């Protein structure tokens, strides 16, 4: 098994050597033996520190392509006039490139895991597996954007792909868009609470049955 030693790295306030065996930290905070150094790759870490990794809890990785595209405007205008029209033109290759850029930036900053929700989730899954990071990929259930047939297709995707990779954990990602029409007129919210609660119950039932993780987002527009 390949061994790597991080030599003279700062950890918990003092410099020490740390042994990595295979893909795991084998000795941290303990004195290494002569046999630990045998045939090990030595990485000199003077001036460097080892810290716990970062976990990114909410991402739309491919949207790195939209960075700086539209700023300093009301949310509705930003979404309807800029972001959604742009996203409608994104190809699978565009999403792959944007996701690769995001994952590269996360790896370089010490992030080892991210929770993502976006279109073409199979593309993001592919990037995760190839680049060696870990992720929870949300399969979106949006009751006011999807047809019942498409929602059923999403649940099938969850079922068919949930054990596809030890680096990817699929999650049912429910996004109830509660449109606060009062912000724009005197009308009532467009999506009744009864429908939202029904969708929540369906997601919870499916999640429990299949032991799938849950990721819920509320968007107040």
N, C-alpha and C. Protein backbone atom coordinates (compact mmCIF):
# COMPACT_ATOMS: atom_id res chain seq x y z
N UNK A 1 0.83 -1.20 0.00
CA UNK A 1 0.00 0.00 0.00
C UNK A 1 0.87 1.25 0.00
N UNK A 2 0.56 2.20 -0.87
CA UNK A 2 1.35 3.43 -0.97
C UNK A 2 1.27 4.24 0.32
N UNK A 3 2.42 4.81 0.68
CA UNK A 3 2.48 5.63 1.89
C UNK A 3 3.02 7.01 1.56
N UNK A 4 2.47 7.99 2.23
CA UNK A 4 2.94 9.37 2.10
C UNK A 4 3.09 9.96 3.48
N UNK A 5 4.18 10.71 3.67
CA UNK A 5 4.39 11.38 4.96
C UNK A 5 4.44 12.88 4.74
N UNK A 6 3.55 13.58 5.43
CA UNK A 6 3.58 15.04 5.44
C UNK A 6 4.58 15.45 6.51
N UNK A 7 5.70 15.97 6.08
CA UNK A 7 6.81 16.24 7.00
C UNK A 7 6.79 17.69 7.49
N UNK A 8 6.88 17.84 8.81
CA UNK A 8 6.95 19.17 9.45
C UNK A 8 5.74 20.04 9.11
N UNK A 9 4.56 19.44 9.14
CA UNK A 9 3.34 20.20 8.89
C UNK A 9 2.79 20.70 10.23
N UNK A 10 2.23 21.89 10.23
CA UNK A 10 1.68 22.46 11.45
C UNK A 10 0.31 21.85 11.72
N UNK A 11 0.17 21.23 12.90
CA UNK A 11 -1.10 20.63 13.29
C UNK A 11 -1.31 20.81 14.78
N UNK A 12 -2.42 21.42 15.13
CA UNK A 12 -2.76 21.70 16.53
C UNK A 12 -1.64 22.44 17.25
N UNK A 13 -1.09 23.43 16.57
CA UNK A 13 -0.12 24.33 17.21
C UNK A 13 1.32 23.87 17.20
N UNK A 14 1.62 22.71 16.63
CA UNK A 14 3.02 22.28 16.60
C UNK A 14 3.32 21.52 15.30
N UNK A 15 4.60 21.56 14.92
CA UNK A 15 5.02 20.86 13.71
C UNK A 15 5.20 19.38 14.00
N UNK A 16 4.73 18.56 13.07
CA UNK A 16 4.87 17.12 13.25
C UNK A 16 4.76 16.43 11.90
N UNK A 17 5.12 15.15 11.88
CA UNK A 17 4.99 14.34 10.67
C UNK A 17 3.69 13.54 10.75
N UNK A 18 2.99 13.47 9.62
CA UNK A 18 1.71 12.75 9.56
C UNK A 18 1.79 11.69 8.48
N UNK A 19 1.34 10.48 8.80
CA UNK A 19 1.39 9.36 7.87
C UNK A 19 0.05 9.16 7.18
N UNK A 20 0.10 9.09 5.86
CA UNK A 20 -1.07 8.73 5.06
C UNK A 20 -0.78 7.38 4.43
N UNK A 21 -1.67 6.41 4.68
CA UNK A 21 -1.50 5.06 4.14
C UNK A 21 -2.66 4.78 3.19
N UNK A 22 -2.33 4.57 1.92
CA UNK A 22 -3.39 4.43 0.94
C UNK A 22 -4.12 5.76 0.79
N UNK A 23 -5.40 5.77 1.08
CA UNK A 23 -6.19 6.99 0.99
C UNK A 23 -6.65 7.49 2.35
N UNK A 24 -6.02 6.96 3.42
CA UNK A 24 -6.47 7.33 4.76
C UNK A 24 -5.32 7.88 5.61
N UNK A 25 -5.67 8.81 6.51
CA UNK A 25 -4.71 9.29 7.49
C UNK A 25 -4.51 8.18 8.51
N UNK A 26 -3.30 7.62 8.55
CA UNK A 26 -3.03 6.47 9.41
C UNK A 26 -2.51 6.87 10.79
N UNK A 27 -1.67 7.91 10.84
CA UNK A 27 -1.14 8.37 12.12
C UNK A 27 -1.13 9.90 12.14
N UNK A 28 -1.93 10.44 13.02
CA UNK A 28 -2.01 11.90 13.20
C UNK A 28 -1.83 12.20 14.68
N UNK A 29 -0.85 13.04 14.99
CA UNK A 29 -0.63 13.38 16.40
C UNK A 29 0.13 12.33 17.18
N UNK A 30 0.66 11.32 16.47
CA UNK A 30 1.46 10.28 17.13
C UNK A 30 2.83 10.20 16.48
N UNK A 31 3.82 9.83 17.24
CA UNK A 31 5.17 9.73 16.72
C UNK A 31 5.26 8.57 15.74
N UNK A 32 5.91 8.82 14.59
CA UNK A 32 6.05 7.78 13.59
C UNK A 32 7.26 6.90 13.88
N UNK A 33 7.16 5.64 13.47
CA UNK A 33 8.26 4.69 13.65
C UNK A 33 9.13 4.66 12.40
N UNK A 34 10.27 3.98 12.50
CA UNK A 34 11.17 3.86 11.34
C UNK A 34 10.49 3.13 10.19
N UNK A 35 9.67 2.14 10.53
CA UNK A 35 8.99 1.38 9.48
C UNK A 35 7.96 2.25 8.74
N UNK A 36 7.44 3.26 9.41
CA UNK A 36 6.48 4.17 8.75
C UNK A 36 7.16 4.95 7.62
N UNK A 37 8.46 5.26 7.82
CA UNK A 37 9.18 6.06 6.83
C UNK A 37 9.68 5.21 5.65
N UNK A 38 9.75 3.89 5.86
CA UNK A 38 10.29 3.00 4.82
C UNK A 38 9.42 3.04 3.55
N UNK A 39 10.07 3.34 2.43
CA UNK A 39 9.40 3.37 1.11
C UNK A 39 8.24 4.37 1.03
N UNK A 40 8.26 5.35 1.90
CA UNK A 40 7.19 6.35 1.89
C UNK A 40 7.61 7.58 1.07
N UNK A 41 6.67 8.19 0.40
CA UNK A 41 6.92 9.45 -0.30
C UNK A 41 6.90 10.57 0.74
N UNK A 42 7.97 11.35 0.78
CA UNK A 42 8.07 12.44 1.76
C UNK A 42 7.67 13.76 1.10
N UNK A 43 6.69 14.42 1.68
CA UNK A 43 6.26 15.73 1.19
C UNK A 43 6.64 16.77 2.24
N UNK A 44 7.55 17.65 1.89
CA UNK A 44 7.99 18.67 2.83
C UNK A 44 6.93 19.75 2.96
N UNK A 45 6.50 19.99 4.19
CA UNK A 45 5.36 20.89 4.45
C UNK A 45 5.73 22.09 5.31
N UNK A 46 6.98 22.52 5.25
CA UNK A 46 7.38 23.71 6.02
C UNK A 46 6.54 24.90 5.56
N UNK A 47 6.00 25.63 6.53
CA UNK A 47 5.17 26.79 6.21
C UNK A 47 3.73 26.45 5.89
N UNK A 48 3.37 25.16 5.97
CA UNK A 48 2.01 24.73 5.69
C UNK A 48 1.35 24.18 6.95
N UNK A 49 0.03 24.25 7.00
CA UNK A 49 -0.73 23.72 8.13
C UNK A 49 -1.79 22.76 7.60
N UNK A 50 -2.16 21.80 8.40
CA UNK A 50 -3.24 20.88 8.04
C UNK A 50 -4.45 21.21 8.91
N UNK A 51 -5.59 21.39 8.28
CA UNK A 51 -6.81 21.78 8.99
C UNK A 51 -7.96 20.87 8.54
N UNK A 52 -9.07 20.84 9.29
CA UNK A 52 -10.22 20.05 8.86
C UNK A 52 -10.74 20.55 7.52
N UNK A 53 -11.30 19.68 6.71
CA UNK A 53 -11.79 20.09 5.38
C UNK A 53 -13.08 20.90 5.49
N UNK A 54 -13.45 21.53 4.38
CA UNK A 54 -14.68 22.30 4.31
C UNK A 54 -15.77 21.47 3.62
N UNK A 55 -17.01 21.72 4.03
CA UNK A 55 -18.18 21.09 3.41
C UNK A 55 -19.09 22.21 2.92
N UNK A 56 -19.37 22.21 1.62
CA UNK A 56 -20.19 23.25 1.01
C UNK A 56 -21.65 22.77 0.98
N UNK A 57 -22.50 23.39 1.78
CA UNK A 57 -23.84 22.88 2.01
C UNK A 57 -24.90 23.28 0.99
N UNK A 58 -24.59 24.19 0.06
CA UNK A 58 -25.62 24.60 -0.91
C UNK A 58 -24.94 25.16 -2.15
N UNK A 59 -25.02 24.40 -3.24
CA UNK A 59 -24.37 24.86 -4.48
C UNK A 59 -25.25 24.61 -5.70
N UNK A 60 -24.98 25.38 -6.73
CA UNK A 60 -25.46 25.13 -8.09
C UNK A 60 -24.18 25.21 -8.93
N UNK A 61 -23.40 24.13 -8.88
CA UNK A 61 -22.01 24.17 -9.34
C UNK A 61 -21.83 24.74 -10.74
N UNK A 62 -22.68 24.33 -11.67
CA UNK A 62 -22.50 24.77 -13.05
C UNK A 62 -22.72 26.26 -13.23
N UNK A 63 -23.31 26.92 -12.23
CA UNK A 63 -23.57 28.36 -12.36
C UNK A 63 -22.31 29.20 -12.22
N UNK A 64 -21.16 28.56 -12.06
CA UNK A 64 -19.91 29.33 -12.14
C UNK A 64 -19.82 30.05 -13.48
N UNK A 65 -20.48 29.50 -14.50
CA UNK A 65 -20.47 30.13 -15.83
C UNK A 65 -21.24 31.44 -15.85
N UNK A 66 -22.11 31.64 -14.86
CA UNK A 66 -22.93 32.85 -14.81
C UNK A 66 -22.36 33.89 -13.84
N UNK A 67 -21.21 33.61 -13.30
CA UNK A 67 -20.61 34.52 -12.32
C UNK A 67 -20.40 35.90 -12.93
N UNK A 68 -21.00 36.92 -12.32
CA UNK A 68 -20.84 38.29 -12.81
C UNK A 68 -21.69 38.61 -14.01
N UNK A 69 -22.55 37.68 -14.41
CA UNK A 69 -23.36 37.88 -15.62
C UNK A 69 -24.40 38.99 -15.43
N UNK A 70 -25.01 39.03 -14.26
CA UNK A 70 -26.02 40.07 -13.99
C UNK A 70 -26.01 40.35 -12.49
N UNK A 71 -25.83 41.60 -12.13
CA UNK A 71 -25.72 41.97 -10.71
C UNK A 71 -26.55 43.22 -10.41
N UNK A 72 -26.77 43.42 -9.11
CA UNK A 72 -27.35 44.68 -8.60
C UNK A 72 -28.70 45.00 -9.23
N UNK A 73 -29.65 44.07 -9.09
CA UNK A 73 -31.00 44.31 -9.60
C UNK A 73 -31.99 43.49 -8.78
N UNK A 74 -33.27 43.80 -8.84
CA UNK A 74 -34.28 43.03 -8.11
C UNK A 74 -34.26 41.56 -8.52
N UNK A 75 -34.62 40.70 -7.58
CA UNK A 75 -34.54 39.25 -7.80
C UNK A 75 -35.35 38.80 -9.00
N UNK A 76 -36.60 39.25 -9.12
CA UNK A 76 -37.45 38.81 -10.22
C UNK A 76 -36.85 39.17 -11.58
N UNK A 77 -36.33 40.38 -11.69
CA UNK A 77 -35.71 40.80 -12.94
C UNK A 77 -34.47 39.97 -13.23
N UNK A 78 -33.69 39.73 -12.21
CA UNK A 78 -32.46 38.93 -12.34
C UNK A 78 -32.78 37.53 -12.86
N UNK A 79 -33.80 36.90 -12.27
CA UNK A 79 -34.18 35.55 -12.68
C UNK A 79 -34.82 35.51 -14.06
N UNK A 80 -35.86 36.33 -14.24
CA UNK A 80 -36.69 36.21 -15.43
C UNK A 80 -36.05 36.77 -16.69
N UNK A 81 -35.25 37.83 -16.54
CA UNK A 81 -34.71 38.48 -17.73
C UNK A 81 -33.27 38.06 -18.05
N UNK A 82 -32.58 37.49 -17.07
CA UNK A 82 -31.18 37.14 -17.30
C UNK A 82 -30.87 35.66 -17.04
N UNK A 83 -31.10 35.19 -15.81
CA UNK A 83 -30.64 33.86 -15.43
C UNK A 83 -31.40 32.75 -16.15
N UNK A 84 -32.72 32.77 -16.07
CA UNK A 84 -33.49 31.69 -16.70
C UNK A 84 -33.32 31.64 -18.21
N UNK A 85 -33.32 32.76 -18.92
CA UNK A 85 -33.06 32.69 -20.36
C UNK A 85 -31.67 32.14 -20.68
N UNK A 86 -30.67 32.50 -19.87
CA UNK A 86 -29.31 31.99 -20.07
C UNK A 86 -29.29 30.48 -19.84
N UNK A 87 -29.90 30.05 -18.73
CA UNK A 87 -29.89 28.63 -18.39
C UNK A 87 -30.61 27.78 -19.44
N UNK A 88 -31.63 28.35 -20.07
CA UNK A 88 -32.38 27.62 -21.08
C UNK A 88 -31.51 27.23 -22.28
N UNK A 89 -30.40 27.94 -22.45
CA UNK A 89 -29.51 27.68 -23.58
C UNK A 89 -28.33 26.76 -23.22
N UNK A 90 -28.20 26.43 -21.94
CA UNK A 90 -27.06 25.61 -21.52
C UNK A 90 -27.19 24.18 -22.05
N UNK A 91 -26.10 23.68 -22.61
CA UNK A 91 -26.04 22.29 -23.06
C UNK A 91 -25.43 21.43 -21.96
N UNK A 92 -25.48 20.12 -22.16
CA UNK A 92 -24.85 19.21 -21.20
C UNK A 92 -23.35 19.50 -21.08
N UNK A 93 -22.71 19.84 -22.20
CA UNK A 93 -21.28 20.16 -22.18
C UNK A 93 -21.01 21.43 -21.38
N UNK A 94 -21.89 22.43 -21.51
CA UNK A 94 -21.75 23.67 -20.74
C UNK A 94 -21.80 23.36 -19.24
N UNK A 95 -22.77 22.53 -18.87
CA UNK A 95 -22.94 22.19 -17.45
C UNK A 95 -21.73 21.41 -16.94
N UNK A 96 -21.18 20.55 -17.79
CA UNK A 96 -19.97 19.81 -17.39
C UNK A 96 -18.80 20.76 -17.16
N UNK A 97 -18.61 21.71 -18.06
CA UNK A 97 -17.50 22.66 -17.93
C UNK A 97 -17.67 23.51 -16.67
N UNK A 98 -18.89 24.02 -16.46
CA UNK A 98 -19.15 24.84 -15.27
C UNK A 98 -18.95 24.06 -13.99
N UNK A 99 -19.39 22.80 -13.98
CA UNK A 99 -19.24 21.96 -12.79
C UNK A 99 -17.77 21.63 -12.53
N UNK A 100 -17.01 21.37 -13.59
CA UNK A 100 -15.58 21.08 -13.42
C UNK A 100 -14.85 22.29 -12.83
N UNK A 101 -15.20 23.47 -13.31
CA UNK A 101 -14.58 24.68 -12.77
C UNK A 101 -14.91 24.83 -11.28
N UNK A 102 -16.17 24.62 -10.93
CA UNK A 102 -16.59 24.74 -9.53
C UNK A 102 -15.87 23.73 -8.65
N UNK A 103 -15.81 22.47 -9.11
CA UNK A 103 -15.15 21.42 -8.31
C UNK A 103 -13.66 21.70 -8.16
N UNK A 104 -13.03 22.17 -9.23
CA UNK A 104 -11.60 22.53 -9.15
C UNK A 104 -11.38 23.61 -8.10
N UNK A 105 -12.23 24.63 -8.09
CA UNK A 105 -12.11 25.70 -7.10
C UNK A 105 -12.34 25.18 -5.68
N UNK A 106 -13.30 24.27 -5.53
CA UNK A 106 -13.56 23.70 -4.20
C UNK A 106 -12.38 22.88 -3.71
N UNK A 107 -11.83 22.04 -4.59
CA UNK A 107 -10.69 21.21 -4.19
C UNK A 107 -9.50 22.08 -3.79
N UNK A 108 -9.25 23.13 -4.57
CA UNK A 108 -8.12 24.02 -4.28
C UNK A 108 -8.30 24.78 -2.97
N UNK A 109 -9.55 24.95 -2.53
CA UNK A 109 -9.80 25.67 -1.28
C UNK A 109 -9.96 24.74 -0.09
N UNK A 110 -9.80 23.42 -0.30
CA UNK A 110 -9.88 22.47 0.81
C UNK A 110 -11.29 21.95 1.05
N UNK A 111 -12.17 22.09 0.08
CA UNK A 111 -13.54 21.56 0.19
C UNK A 111 -13.57 20.13 -0.34
N UNK A 112 -14.09 19.21 0.48
CA UNK A 112 -14.08 17.79 0.09
C UNK A 112 -15.47 17.27 -0.26
N UNK A 113 -16.51 18.09 0.02
CA UNK A 113 -17.88 17.64 -0.20
C UNK A 113 -18.74 18.86 -0.51
N UNK A 114 -19.73 18.67 -1.43
CA UNK A 114 -20.69 19.74 -1.67
C UNK A 114 -22.07 19.16 -1.92
N UNK A 115 -23.08 19.94 -1.59
CA UNK A 115 -24.46 19.55 -1.81
C UNK A 115 -25.00 20.38 -2.97
N UNK A 116 -25.36 19.70 -4.06
CA UNK A 116 -25.69 20.41 -5.30
C UNK A 116 -27.11 20.11 -5.76
N UNK A 117 -27.71 21.08 -6.39
CA UNK A 117 -29.01 20.88 -7.03
C UNK A 117 -29.03 21.72 -8.30
N UNK A 118 -29.20 21.04 -9.44
CA UNK A 118 -29.19 21.75 -10.71
C UNK A 118 -29.72 20.82 -11.79
N UNK A 119 -29.87 21.37 -13.01
CA UNK A 119 -30.33 20.56 -14.13
C UNK A 119 -29.23 19.59 -14.57
N UNK A 120 -29.60 18.56 -15.27
CA UNK A 120 -28.69 17.56 -15.81
C UNK A 120 -27.80 16.98 -14.73
N UNK A 121 -28.43 16.49 -13.67
CA UNK A 121 -27.67 15.99 -12.51
C UNK A 121 -26.71 14.86 -12.87
N UNK A 122 -27.04 14.09 -13.94
CA UNK A 122 -26.14 12.99 -14.34
C UNK A 122 -24.79 13.51 -14.80
N UNK A 123 -24.76 14.74 -15.32
CA UNK A 123 -23.50 15.36 -15.75
C UNK A 123 -22.66 15.73 -14.53
N UNK A 124 -23.31 16.33 -13.53
CA UNK A 124 -22.59 16.68 -12.30
C UNK A 124 -22.08 15.44 -11.59
N UNK A 125 -22.87 14.38 -11.59
CA UNK A 125 -22.43 13.11 -10.99
C UNK A 125 -21.16 12.61 -11.68
N UNK A 126 -21.12 12.70 -12.99
CA UNK A 126 -19.96 12.25 -13.76
C UNK A 126 -18.71 13.06 -13.36
N UNK A 127 -18.86 14.37 -13.22
CA UNK A 127 -17.74 15.23 -12.85
C UNK A 127 -17.23 14.87 -11.46
N UNK A 128 -18.15 14.65 -10.54
CA UNK A 128 -17.79 14.29 -9.15
C UNK A 128 -16.94 13.01 -9.14
N UNK A 129 -17.40 12.00 -9.85
CA UNK A 129 -16.71 10.71 -9.86
C UNK A 129 -15.32 10.83 -10.50
N UNK A 130 -15.22 11.63 -11.55
CA UNK A 130 -13.94 11.75 -12.27
C UNK A 130 -12.93 12.62 -11.53
N UNK A 131 -13.41 13.60 -10.76
CA UNK A 131 -12.47 14.54 -10.12
C UNK A 131 -12.16 14.19 -8.68
N UNK A 132 -12.82 13.16 -8.13
CA UNK A 132 -12.41 12.64 -6.83
C UNK A 132 -12.93 13.37 -5.63
N UNK A 133 -13.95 14.20 -5.79
CA UNK A 133 -14.57 14.87 -4.65
C UNK A 133 -15.78 14.04 -4.24
N UNK A 134 -16.51 14.45 -3.22
CA UNK A 134 -17.75 13.78 -2.83
C UNK A 134 -18.89 14.79 -2.89
N UNK A 135 -20.11 14.28 -3.11
CA UNK A 135 -21.24 15.21 -3.23
C UNK A 135 -22.56 14.53 -2.94
N UNK A 136 -23.51 15.34 -2.49
CA UNK A 136 -24.91 14.95 -2.47
C UNK A 136 -25.57 15.68 -3.62
N UNK A 137 -26.11 14.93 -4.56
CA UNK A 137 -26.72 15.52 -5.75
C UNK A 137 -28.23 15.49 -5.60
N UNK A 138 -28.83 16.67 -5.61
CA UNK A 138 -30.27 16.76 -5.44
C UNK A 138 -31.02 16.49 -6.74
N UNK A 139 -32.03 15.65 -6.65
CA UNK A 139 -32.94 15.43 -7.77
C UNK A 139 -34.20 16.25 -7.48
N UNK A 140 -34.41 17.27 -8.26
CA UNK A 140 -35.38 18.32 -7.92
C UNK A 140 -36.83 17.89 -8.11
N UNK A 141 -37.62 18.14 -7.06
CA UNK A 141 -39.06 17.96 -7.11
C UNK A 141 -39.68 19.34 -6.86
N UNK A 142 -40.16 19.97 -7.91
CA UNK A 142 -40.75 21.31 -7.78
C UNK A 142 -42.19 21.23 -8.27
N UNK A 143 -43.13 21.21 -7.32
CA UNK A 143 -44.50 20.88 -7.68
C UNK A 143 -45.16 21.88 -8.61
N UNK A 144 -44.69 23.12 -8.61
CA UNK A 144 -45.32 24.11 -9.49
C UNK A 144 -44.57 24.27 -10.81
N UNK A 145 -43.50 23.51 -11.00
CA UNK A 145 -42.75 23.57 -12.25
C UNK A 145 -42.81 22.26 -13.02
N UNK A 146 -43.09 21.16 -12.31
CA UNK A 146 -43.05 19.84 -12.93
C UNK A 146 -44.45 19.26 -13.13
N UNK A 147 -44.58 18.43 -14.14
CA UNK A 147 -45.80 17.64 -14.32
C UNK A 147 -45.70 16.42 -13.40
N UNK A 148 -46.83 15.81 -13.06
CA UNK A 148 -46.79 14.57 -12.26
C UNK A 148 -45.92 13.49 -12.90
N UNK A 149 -45.95 13.42 -14.24
CA UNK A 149 -45.16 12.42 -14.96
C UNK A 149 -43.66 12.66 -14.77
N UNK A 150 -43.26 13.94 -14.84
CA UNK A 150 -41.84 14.26 -14.68
C UNK A 150 -41.38 14.04 -13.24
N UNK A 151 -42.25 14.34 -12.29
CA UNK A 151 -41.92 14.08 -10.89
C UNK A 151 -41.70 12.59 -10.68
N UNK A 152 -42.54 11.76 -11.31
CA UNK A 152 -42.39 10.31 -11.20
C UNK A 152 -41.07 9.86 -11.83
N UNK A 153 -40.68 10.48 -12.95
CA UNK A 153 -39.41 10.17 -13.59
C UNK A 153 -38.24 10.50 -12.66
N UNK A 154 -38.36 11.59 -11.92
CA UNK A 154 -37.30 11.97 -10.98
C UNK A 154 -37.16 10.94 -9.87
N UNK A 155 -38.29 10.46 -9.35
CA UNK A 155 -38.23 9.43 -8.31
C UNK A 155 -37.60 8.15 -8.87
N UNK A 156 -37.90 7.83 -10.11
CA UNK A 156 -37.31 6.64 -10.74
C UNK A 156 -35.80 6.81 -10.89
N UNK A 157 -35.36 8.02 -11.26
CA UNK A 157 -33.92 8.30 -11.37
C UNK A 157 -33.25 8.07 -10.02
N UNK A 158 -33.88 8.55 -8.95
CA UNK A 158 -33.34 8.35 -7.61
C UNK A 158 -33.19 6.86 -7.30
N UNK A 159 -34.20 6.11 -7.63
CA UNK A 159 -34.19 4.68 -7.34
C UNK A 159 -33.13 3.95 -8.17
N UNK A 160 -33.01 4.30 -9.44
CA UNK A 160 -32.11 3.58 -10.35
C UNK A 160 -30.64 3.91 -10.13
N UNK A 161 -30.34 5.10 -9.60
CA UNK A 161 -28.94 5.55 -9.54
C UNK A 161 -28.40 5.73 -8.12
N UNK A 162 -29.16 5.37 -7.12
CA UNK A 162 -28.74 5.71 -5.75
C UNK A 162 -27.51 4.95 -5.28
N UNK A 163 -27.18 3.80 -5.88
CA UNK A 163 -25.98 3.06 -5.48
C UNK A 163 -24.92 3.07 -6.57
N UNK A 164 -24.97 4.08 -7.43
CA UNK A 164 -24.09 4.11 -8.59
C UNK A 164 -22.64 4.39 -8.24
N UNK A 165 -22.39 5.16 -7.17
CA UNK A 165 -21.02 5.55 -6.82
C UNK A 165 -20.91 5.77 -5.32
N UNK A 166 -19.74 5.39 -4.77
CA UNK A 166 -19.53 5.66 -3.35
C UNK A 166 -19.16 7.12 -3.09
N UNK A 167 -19.00 7.90 -4.16
CA UNK A 167 -18.68 9.32 -4.01
C UNK A 167 -19.91 10.22 -4.14
N UNK A 168 -20.99 9.65 -4.64
CA UNK A 168 -22.21 10.44 -4.87
C UNK A 168 -23.36 9.88 -4.06
N UNK A 169 -24.00 10.75 -3.30
CA UNK A 169 -25.22 10.38 -2.59
C UNK A 169 -26.35 11.20 -3.18
N UNK A 170 -27.36 10.53 -3.70
CA UNK A 170 -28.49 11.24 -4.28
C UNK A 170 -29.45 11.66 -3.18
N UNK A 171 -30.07 12.81 -3.38
CA UNK A 171 -31.02 13.33 -2.40
C UNK A 171 -32.25 13.83 -3.13
N UNK A 172 -33.42 13.62 -2.52
CA UNK A 172 -34.63 14.20 -3.08
C UNK A 172 -34.65 15.67 -2.67
N UNK A 173 -34.63 16.53 -3.65
CA UNK A 173 -34.50 17.97 -3.41
C UNK A 173 -35.82 18.64 -3.75
N UNK A 174 -36.61 18.96 -2.74
CA UNK A 174 -37.91 19.54 -2.97
C UNK A 174 -37.84 21.06 -2.90
N UNK A 175 -38.32 21.73 -3.94
CA UNK A 175 -38.27 23.19 -4.00
C UNK A 175 -39.68 23.74 -4.16
N UNK A 176 -40.32 24.10 -3.06
CA UNK A 176 -41.64 24.72 -3.18
C UNK A 176 -41.49 26.22 -3.42
N UNK A 177 -41.81 26.67 -4.59
CA UNK A 177 -41.72 28.10 -4.88
C UNK A 177 -42.99 28.76 -4.36
N UNK A 178 -42.89 29.39 -3.20
CA UNK A 178 -44.03 30.07 -2.62
C UNK A 178 -44.04 31.49 -3.16
N UNK A 179 -44.86 31.73 -4.12
CA UNK A 179 -44.87 33.03 -4.77
C UNK A 179 -45.68 34.02 -3.94
N UNK A 180 -44.99 34.94 -3.35
CA UNK A 180 -45.67 35.93 -2.55
C UNK A 180 -46.18 37.04 -3.45
N UNK A 181 -47.34 36.79 -4.04
CA UNK A 181 -47.88 37.73 -5.01
C UNK A 181 -48.19 39.08 -4.38
N UNK A 182 -48.34 39.10 -3.06
CA UNK A 182 -48.63 40.36 -2.40
C UNK A 182 -47.53 41.38 -2.63
N UNK A 183 -46.34 40.88 -2.87
CA UNK A 183 -45.23 41.78 -3.10
C UNK A 183 -45.44 42.58 -4.38
N UNK A 184 -46.23 42.02 -5.29
CA UNK A 184 -46.43 42.68 -6.57
C UNK A 184 -47.88 43.16 -6.77
N UNK A 185 -48.84 42.56 -6.05
CA UNK A 185 -50.24 42.96 -6.19
C UNK A 185 -50.98 42.57 -4.92
N UNK A 186 -52.30 42.68 -4.94
CA UNK A 186 -53.09 42.30 -3.79
C UNK A 186 -53.62 40.87 -3.90
N UNK A 187 -53.10 40.14 -4.89
CA UNK A 187 -53.57 38.77 -5.09
C UNK A 187 -53.01 37.85 -4.01
N UNK A 188 -53.65 36.71 -3.87
CA UNK A 188 -53.19 35.72 -2.90
C UNK A 188 -52.04 34.91 -3.48
N UNK A 189 -51.26 34.22 -2.66
CA UNK A 189 -50.21 33.34 -3.18
C UNK A 189 -50.78 32.36 -4.20
N UNK A 190 -50.01 32.10 -5.25
CA UNK A 190 -50.52 31.32 -6.37
C UNK A 190 -50.58 29.83 -6.09
N UNK A 191 -49.78 29.37 -5.12
CA UNK A 191 -49.73 27.93 -4.89
C UNK A 191 -50.26 27.62 -3.50
N UNK A 192 -51.43 26.99 -3.42
CA UNK A 192 -52.07 26.75 -2.12
C UNK A 192 -51.24 25.84 -1.23
N UNK A 193 -51.37 26.08 0.07
CA UNK A 193 -50.61 25.30 1.05
C UNK A 193 -50.95 23.82 0.96
N UNK A 194 -52.18 23.50 0.59
CA UNK A 194 -52.62 22.10 0.51
C UNK A 194 -51.77 21.32 -0.48
N UNK A 195 -51.48 21.94 -1.63
CA UNK A 195 -50.67 21.28 -2.66
C UNK A 195 -49.24 21.10 -2.18
N UNK A 196 -48.68 22.13 -1.53
CA UNK A 196 -47.32 22.06 -1.01
C UNK A 196 -47.18 20.96 0.04
N UNK A 197 -48.13 20.90 0.97
CA UNK A 197 -48.09 19.88 2.02
C UNK A 197 -48.20 18.49 1.42
N UNK A 198 -49.05 18.33 0.40
CA UNK A 198 -49.20 17.04 -0.27
C UNK A 198 -47.88 16.59 -0.88
N UNK A 199 -47.17 17.50 -1.52
CA UNK A 199 -45.89 17.15 -2.15
C UNK A 199 -44.85 16.78 -1.10
N UNK A 200 -44.86 17.51 0.03
CA UNK A 200 -43.93 17.20 1.12
C UNK A 200 -44.16 15.77 1.61
N UNK A 201 -45.42 15.41 1.80
CA UNK A 201 -45.75 14.08 2.30
C UNK A 201 -45.32 12.99 1.32
N UNK A 202 -45.50 13.24 0.02
CA UNK A 202 -45.08 12.28 -1.00
C UNK A 202 -43.56 12.09 -0.93
N UNK A 203 -42.83 13.21 -0.85
CA UNK A 203 -41.36 13.13 -0.79
C UNK A 203 -40.89 12.38 0.45
N UNK A 204 -41.52 12.67 1.59
CA UNK A 204 -41.13 12.01 2.84
C UNK A 204 -41.41 10.51 2.77
N UNK A 205 -42.55 10.14 2.16
CA UNK A 205 -42.90 8.73 2.04
C UNK A 205 -41.91 8.00 1.14
N UNK A 206 -41.59 8.58 -0.01
CA UNK A 206 -40.64 7.96 -0.94
C UNK A 206 -39.25 7.89 -0.32
N UNK A 207 -38.87 8.97 0.38
CA UNK A 207 -37.54 9.00 1.00
C UNK A 207 -37.40 7.90 2.04
N UNK A 208 -38.42 7.72 2.86
CA UNK A 208 -38.38 6.70 3.90
C UNK A 208 -38.33 5.32 3.31
N UNK A 209 -39.12 5.10 2.25
CA UNK A 209 -39.19 3.78 1.61
C UNK A 209 -37.85 3.40 0.99
N UNK A 210 -37.20 4.35 0.34
CA UNK A 210 -35.96 4.06 -0.39
C UNK A 210 -34.71 4.46 0.38
N UNK A 211 -34.89 5.03 1.58
CA UNK A 211 -33.75 5.49 2.39
C UNK A 211 -32.88 6.48 1.63
N UNK A 212 -33.52 7.47 1.05
CA UNK A 212 -32.83 8.51 0.29
C UNK A 212 -32.73 9.76 1.14
N UNK A 213 -31.64 10.49 1.01
CA UNK A 213 -31.46 11.72 1.76
C UNK A 213 -32.44 12.78 1.26
N UNK A 214 -32.69 13.80 2.10
CA UNK A 214 -33.64 14.86 1.74
C UNK A 214 -32.93 16.20 1.79
N UNK A 215 -33.19 17.02 0.80
CA UNK A 215 -32.63 18.36 0.75
C UNK A 215 -33.76 19.30 0.32
N UNK A 216 -34.19 20.18 1.22
CA UNK A 216 -35.34 21.02 0.92
C UNK A 216 -34.96 22.48 0.86
N UNK A 217 -35.50 23.16 -0.14
CA UNK A 217 -35.23 24.58 -0.33
C UNK A 217 -36.56 25.32 -0.44
N UNK A 218 -36.66 26.42 0.26
CA UNK A 218 -37.85 27.26 0.12
C UNK A 218 -37.43 28.55 -0.56
N UNK A 219 -38.09 28.87 -1.66
CA UNK A 219 -37.79 30.11 -2.38
C UNK A 219 -38.96 31.05 -2.27
N UNK A 220 -38.75 32.17 -1.66
CA UNK A 220 -39.79 33.17 -1.51
C UNK A 220 -39.62 34.23 -2.58
N UNK A 221 -40.41 34.17 -3.59
CA UNK A 221 -40.26 35.07 -4.72
C UNK A 221 -41.34 36.14 -4.71
